[in-house]
């Protein structure tokens, strides 16, 4: 799968780790200048946090966290403190919501 990268340059494509099924939200606010975080779910149904660092010679992606359920939103207060929100299980099964702390460093 690929992520579209939008910067001052034209939109490009970025490969990301295998196993990512969906991405629900992304934030670049309050992070290092070249860093963004995306959250979603893995093909196994577990939550996923993806760190995206843009730079020369290429942009990199790393899976930095997983857990039960899926993440739908993320917000960062500082370069080391982010909160993700999601739901355990599937929406159809009515799993309970959850909030997690994410350290993007």
N, C-alpha and C. Protein backbone atom coordinates (compact mmCIF):
# COMPACT_ATOMS: atom_id res chain seq x y z
N UNK A 1 0.83 -1.17 0.00
CA UNK A 1 0.00 0.00 0.00
C UNK A 1 0.88 1.24 0.00
N UNK A 2 0.26 2.38 -0.33
CA UNK A 2 1.03 3.62 -0.40
C UNK A 2 0.27 4.76 0.26
N UNK A 3 1.03 5.75 0.71
CA UNK A 3 0.47 6.97 1.28
C UNK A 3 0.84 8.11 0.34
N UNK A 4 -0.12 8.99 0.06
CA UNK A 4 0.20 10.16 -0.76
C UNK A 4 0.92 11.17 0.13
N UNK A 5 2.04 11.67 -0.34
CA UNK A 5 2.83 12.66 0.40
C UNK A 5 2.62 14.01 -0.24
N UNK A 6 2.10 14.96 0.53
CA UNK A 6 1.85 16.30 0.03
C UNK A 6 2.81 17.23 0.74
N UNK A 7 3.60 17.96 -0.01
CA UNK A 7 4.56 18.90 0.55
C UNK A 7 4.60 20.07 -0.42
N UNK A 8 5.66 20.83 -0.40
CA UNK A 8 5.79 21.91 -1.36
C UNK A 8 6.06 21.36 -2.75
N UNK A 9 6.55 20.15 -2.81
CA UNK A 9 6.77 19.48 -4.10
C UNK A 9 5.45 18.83 -4.53
N UNK A 10 5.36 18.35 -5.76
CA UNK A 10 4.14 17.67 -6.20
C UNK A 10 3.86 16.44 -5.34
N UNK A 11 2.60 16.02 -5.34
CA UNK A 11 2.19 14.84 -4.58
C UNK A 11 2.93 13.62 -5.09
N UNK A 12 3.46 12.82 -4.17
CA UNK A 12 4.14 11.59 -4.52
C UNK A 12 3.53 10.43 -3.76
N UNK A 13 4.07 9.26 -3.96
CA UNK A 13 3.59 8.08 -3.27
C UNK A 13 4.68 7.57 -2.34
N UNK A 14 4.26 7.02 -1.21
CA UNK A 14 5.18 6.54 -0.19
C UNK A 14 4.77 5.15 0.24
N UNK A 15 5.67 4.20 0.12
CA UNK A 15 5.37 2.85 0.59
C UNK A 15 5.42 2.82 2.10
N UNK A 16 4.55 2.03 2.72
CA UNK A 16 4.58 1.91 4.16
C UNK A 16 4.53 0.44 4.55
N UNK A 17 4.80 0.13 5.81
CA UNK A 17 4.96 -1.26 6.23
C UNK A 17 3.78 -2.16 5.87
N UNK A 18 4.09 -3.40 5.53
CA UNK A 18 3.06 -4.39 5.23
C UNK A 18 2.17 -4.59 6.44
N UNK A 19 0.93 -4.92 6.20
CA UNK A 19 0.02 -5.20 7.29
C UNK A 19 -0.90 -4.06 7.65
N UNK A 20 -0.63 -2.85 7.14
CA UNK A 20 -1.50 -1.71 7.41
C UNK A 20 -2.76 -1.88 6.57
N UNK A 21 -3.93 -1.90 7.22
CA UNK A 21 -5.20 -2.06 6.51
C UNK A 21 -5.86 -0.72 6.23
N UNK A 22 -5.91 0.15 7.25
CA UNK A 22 -6.55 1.45 7.09
C UNK A 22 -5.78 2.51 7.86
N UNK A 23 -5.89 3.73 7.40
CA UNK A 23 -5.38 4.88 8.14
C UNK A 23 -6.56 5.83 8.34
N UNK A 24 -6.80 6.21 9.60
CA UNK A 24 -7.98 7.01 9.89
C UNK A 24 -7.71 8.48 10.15
N UNK A 25 -6.47 8.80 10.58
CA UNK A 25 -6.17 10.19 10.91
C UNK A 25 -4.67 10.41 10.84
N UNK A 26 -4.29 11.66 10.65
CA UNK A 26 -2.87 12.02 10.63
C UNK A 26 -2.70 13.37 11.32
N UNK A 27 -1.56 13.55 11.99
CA UNK A 27 -1.24 14.85 12.58
C UNK A 27 0.23 15.14 12.38
N UNK A 28 0.52 16.40 12.12
CA UNK A 28 1.89 16.88 12.04
C UNK A 28 2.08 18.03 13.03
N UNK A 29 1.01 18.43 13.69
CA UNK A 29 1.01 19.54 14.63
C UNK A 29 1.76 19.20 15.91
N UNK A 30 2.59 20.11 16.38
CA UNK A 30 3.36 19.99 17.61
C UNK A 30 4.38 18.86 17.60
N UNK A 31 4.74 18.36 16.42
CA UNK A 31 5.79 17.35 16.30
C UNK A 31 7.02 18.01 15.70
N UNK A 32 8.10 17.26 15.59
CA UNK A 32 9.30 17.79 14.94
C UNK A 32 8.95 18.22 13.53
N UNK A 33 9.69 19.16 12.99
CA UNK A 33 9.36 19.77 11.70
C UNK A 33 9.20 18.76 10.56
N UNK A 34 9.90 17.65 10.63
CA UNK A 34 9.87 16.69 9.52
C UNK A 34 9.04 15.45 9.84
N UNK A 35 8.24 15.47 10.91
CA UNK A 35 7.57 14.27 11.40
C UNK A 35 6.05 14.42 11.43
N UNK A 36 5.37 13.34 11.03
CA UNK A 36 3.92 13.23 11.16
C UNK A 36 3.60 11.86 11.74
N UNK A 37 2.44 11.73 12.36
CA UNK A 37 1.95 10.44 12.84
C UNK A 37 0.62 10.16 12.18
N UNK A 38 0.43 8.91 11.76
CA UNK A 38 -0.85 8.47 11.23
C UNK A 38 -1.32 7.29 12.07
N UNK A 39 -2.62 7.19 12.30
CA UNK A 39 -3.18 6.08 13.06
C UNK A 39 -4.24 5.38 12.24
N UNK A 40 -4.44 4.11 12.55
CA UNK A 40 -5.44 3.31 11.85
C UNK A 40 -5.46 1.91 12.39
N UNK A 41 -5.50 0.93 11.49
CA UNK A 41 -5.54 -0.45 11.93
C UNK A 41 -4.71 -1.34 11.01
N UNK A 42 -4.29 -2.46 11.58
CA UNK A 42 -3.57 -3.49 10.84
C UNK A 42 -4.57 -4.46 10.24
N UNK A 43 -4.13 -5.27 9.30
CA UNK A 43 -5.00 -6.28 8.70
C UNK A 43 -5.44 -7.32 9.73
N UNK A 44 -4.73 -7.43 10.85
CA UNK A 44 -5.10 -8.36 11.94
C UNK A 44 -6.24 -7.81 12.79
N UNK A 45 -6.58 -6.52 12.60
CA UNK A 45 -7.61 -5.89 13.41
C UNK A 45 -7.04 -5.09 14.56
N UNK A 46 -5.74 -5.16 14.78
CA UNK A 46 -5.11 -4.40 15.85
C UNK A 46 -4.90 -2.94 15.44
N UNK A 47 -4.82 -2.06 16.43
CA UNK A 47 -4.56 -0.64 16.19
C UNK A 47 -3.12 -0.46 15.71
N UNK A 48 -2.89 0.58 14.93
CA UNK A 48 -1.55 0.85 14.41
C UNK A 48 -1.24 2.33 14.48
N UNK A 49 0.00 2.66 14.87
CA UNK A 49 0.51 4.02 14.83
C UNK A 49 1.72 4.02 13.91
N UNK A 50 1.70 4.89 12.92
CA UNK A 50 2.74 4.95 11.91
C UNK A 50 3.45 6.29 12.01
N UNK A 51 4.78 6.27 12.14
CA UNK A 51 5.59 7.50 12.18
C UNK A 51 6.15 7.75 10.78
N UNK A 52 5.93 8.95 10.28
CA UNK A 52 6.37 9.32 8.94
C UNK A 52 7.37 10.46 9.09
N UNK A 53 8.59 10.25 8.62
CA UNK A 53 9.64 11.27 8.69
C UNK A 53 10.07 11.60 7.28
N UNK A 54 9.86 12.86 6.88
CA UNK A 54 10.25 13.26 5.53
C UNK A 54 11.65 13.85 5.56
N UNK A 55 12.42 13.49 4.57
CA UNK A 55 13.78 14.00 4.50
C UNK A 55 14.52 13.43 3.31
N UNK A 56 15.71 13.93 3.11
CA UNK A 56 16.54 13.48 1.99
C UNK A 56 17.39 12.30 2.46
N UNK A 57 17.65 11.32 1.65
CA UNK A 57 17.21 11.24 0.26
C UNK A 57 15.80 10.71 0.09
N UNK A 58 15.15 10.19 1.16
CA UNK A 58 13.78 9.72 1.00
C UNK A 58 13.02 9.84 2.31
N UNK A 59 11.71 9.76 2.20
CA UNK A 59 10.84 9.77 3.36
C UNK A 59 10.71 8.35 3.89
N UNK A 60 10.73 8.20 5.23
CA UNK A 60 10.65 6.87 5.83
C UNK A 60 9.37 6.73 6.64
N UNK A 61 8.92 5.50 6.78
CA UNK A 61 7.77 5.19 7.62
C UNK A 61 8.16 4.05 8.55
N UNK A 62 7.72 4.13 9.79
CA UNK A 62 7.97 3.07 10.77
C UNK A 62 6.71 2.82 11.58
N UNK A 63 6.38 1.56 11.79
CA UNK A 63 5.28 1.19 12.66
C UNK A 63 5.80 1.28 14.08
N UNK A 64 5.29 2.24 14.88
CA UNK A 64 5.85 2.46 16.21
C UNK A 64 4.94 1.97 17.32
N UNK A 65 3.76 1.48 17.01
CA UNK A 65 2.89 0.99 18.07
C UNK A 65 1.71 0.22 17.53
N UNK A 66 1.29 -0.79 18.26
CA UNK A 66 0.10 -1.56 17.92
C UNK A 66 -0.65 -1.86 19.20
N UNK A 67 -1.87 -2.31 19.07
CA UNK A 67 -2.69 -2.67 20.23
C UNK A 67 -4.04 -3.15 19.75
N UNK A 68 -4.88 -3.57 20.68
CA UNK A 68 -6.18 -4.13 20.32
C UNK A 68 -7.11 -3.05 19.78
N UNK A 69 -7.84 -3.35 18.73
CA UNK A 69 -8.82 -2.43 18.18
C UNK A 69 -8.27 -1.59 17.05
N UNK A 70 -8.92 -0.47 16.77
CA UNK A 70 -8.51 0.43 15.70
C UNK A 70 -8.47 1.85 16.24
N UNK A 71 -7.53 2.65 15.74
CA UNK A 71 -7.42 4.05 16.12
C UNK A 71 -8.06 4.92 15.03
N UNK A 72 -8.86 5.89 15.46
CA UNK A 72 -9.56 6.76 14.52
C UNK A 72 -9.10 8.20 14.56
N UNK A 73 -8.41 8.60 15.62
CA UNK A 73 -7.99 9.99 15.74
C UNK A 73 -6.73 10.11 16.57
N UNK A 74 -6.01 11.23 16.37
CA UNK A 74 -4.78 11.49 17.11
C UNK A 74 -4.57 12.99 17.23
N UNK A 75 -4.03 13.39 18.37
CA UNK A 75 -3.69 14.79 18.61
C UNK A 75 -2.43 14.83 19.47
N UNK A 76 -1.51 15.75 19.16
CA UNK A 76 -0.25 15.86 19.90
C UNK A 76 -0.17 17.22 20.59
N UNK A 77 0.16 17.19 21.89
CA UNK A 77 0.34 18.43 22.64
C UNK A 77 1.78 18.90 22.59
N UNK A 78 2.71 17.95 22.52
CA UNK A 78 4.14 18.27 22.46
C UNK A 78 4.82 17.27 21.53
N UNK A 79 6.14 17.40 21.35
CA UNK A 79 6.88 16.47 20.50
C UNK A 79 6.97 15.08 21.12
N UNK A 80 6.60 14.93 22.39
CA UNK A 80 6.69 13.63 23.06
C UNK A 80 5.39 13.18 23.69
N UNK A 81 4.29 13.86 23.40
CA UNK A 81 3.03 13.51 24.05
C UNK A 81 1.85 13.62 23.08
N UNK A 82 1.33 12.47 22.68
CA UNK A 82 0.18 12.42 21.79
C UNK A 82 -0.89 11.52 22.41
N UNK A 83 -2.13 11.74 22.03
CA UNK A 83 -3.25 10.93 22.48
C UNK A 83 -3.95 10.38 21.24
N UNK A 84 -4.23 9.07 21.26
CA UNK A 84 -4.98 8.44 20.19
C UNK A 84 -6.31 7.94 20.73
N UNK A 85 -7.37 8.00 19.92
CA UNK A 85 -8.67 7.48 20.33
C UNK A 85 -9.11 6.42 19.34
N UNK A 86 -9.80 5.41 19.87
CA UNK A 86 -10.23 4.32 19.01
C UNK A 86 -11.31 3.49 19.64
N UNK A 87 -11.45 2.28 19.11
CA UNK A 87 -12.48 1.36 19.57
C UNK A 87 -11.93 -0.06 19.52
N UNK A 88 -12.17 -0.81 20.58
CA UNK A 88 -11.77 -2.22 20.56
C UNK A 88 -12.78 -3.01 19.76
N UNK A 89 -12.35 -4.15 19.23
CA UNK A 89 -13.25 -4.97 18.42
C UNK A 89 -13.62 -4.27 17.14
N UNK A 90 -14.79 -4.56 16.62
CA UNK A 90 -15.28 -3.94 15.39
C UNK A 90 -16.46 -3.04 15.70
N UNK A 91 -16.72 -2.11 14.81
CA UNK A 91 -17.86 -1.20 15.02
C UNK A 91 -19.16 -2.00 15.08
N UNK A 92 -19.27 -3.04 14.26
CA UNK A 92 -20.48 -3.87 14.23
C UNK A 92 -20.67 -4.62 15.56
N UNK A 93 -19.55 -5.04 16.17
CA UNK A 93 -19.62 -5.78 17.43
C UNK A 93 -19.82 -4.85 18.62
N UNK A 94 -19.67 -3.56 18.42
CA UNK A 94 -19.91 -2.59 19.49
C UNK A 94 -18.88 -2.60 20.59
N UNK A 95 -17.61 -2.80 20.23
CA UNK A 95 -16.55 -2.78 21.24
C UNK A 95 -16.46 -1.43 21.92
N UNK A 96 -15.96 -1.41 23.17
CA UNK A 96 -15.86 -0.14 23.89
C UNK A 96 -14.78 0.77 23.32
N UNK A 97 -14.98 2.08 23.45
CA UNK A 97 -13.96 3.04 23.01
C UNK A 97 -12.76 3.02 23.97
N UNK A 98 -11.63 3.54 23.49
CA UNK A 98 -10.45 3.66 24.35
C UNK A 98 -9.63 4.86 23.95
N UNK A 99 -8.78 5.31 24.87
CA UNK A 99 -7.85 6.41 24.65
C UNK A 99 -6.48 5.91 25.04
N UNK A 100 -5.45 6.17 24.22
CA UNK A 100 -4.09 5.74 24.55
C UNK A 100 -3.14 6.92 24.47
N UNK A 101 -2.03 6.78 25.17
CA UNK A 101 -0.95 7.76 25.12
C UNK A 101 0.10 7.25 24.15
N UNK A 102 0.57 8.12 23.25
CA UNK A 102 1.54 7.74 22.22
C UNK A 102 2.77 8.64 22.36
N UNK A 103 3.95 8.04 22.43
CA UNK A 103 5.21 8.79 22.45
C UNK A 103 5.83 8.69 21.07
N UNK A 104 5.80 9.76 20.27
CA UNK A 104 6.29 9.70 18.90
C UNK A 104 7.81 9.72 18.74
N UNK A 105 8.56 9.86 19.85
CA UNK A 105 10.01 9.98 19.71
C UNK A 105 10.69 8.67 19.40
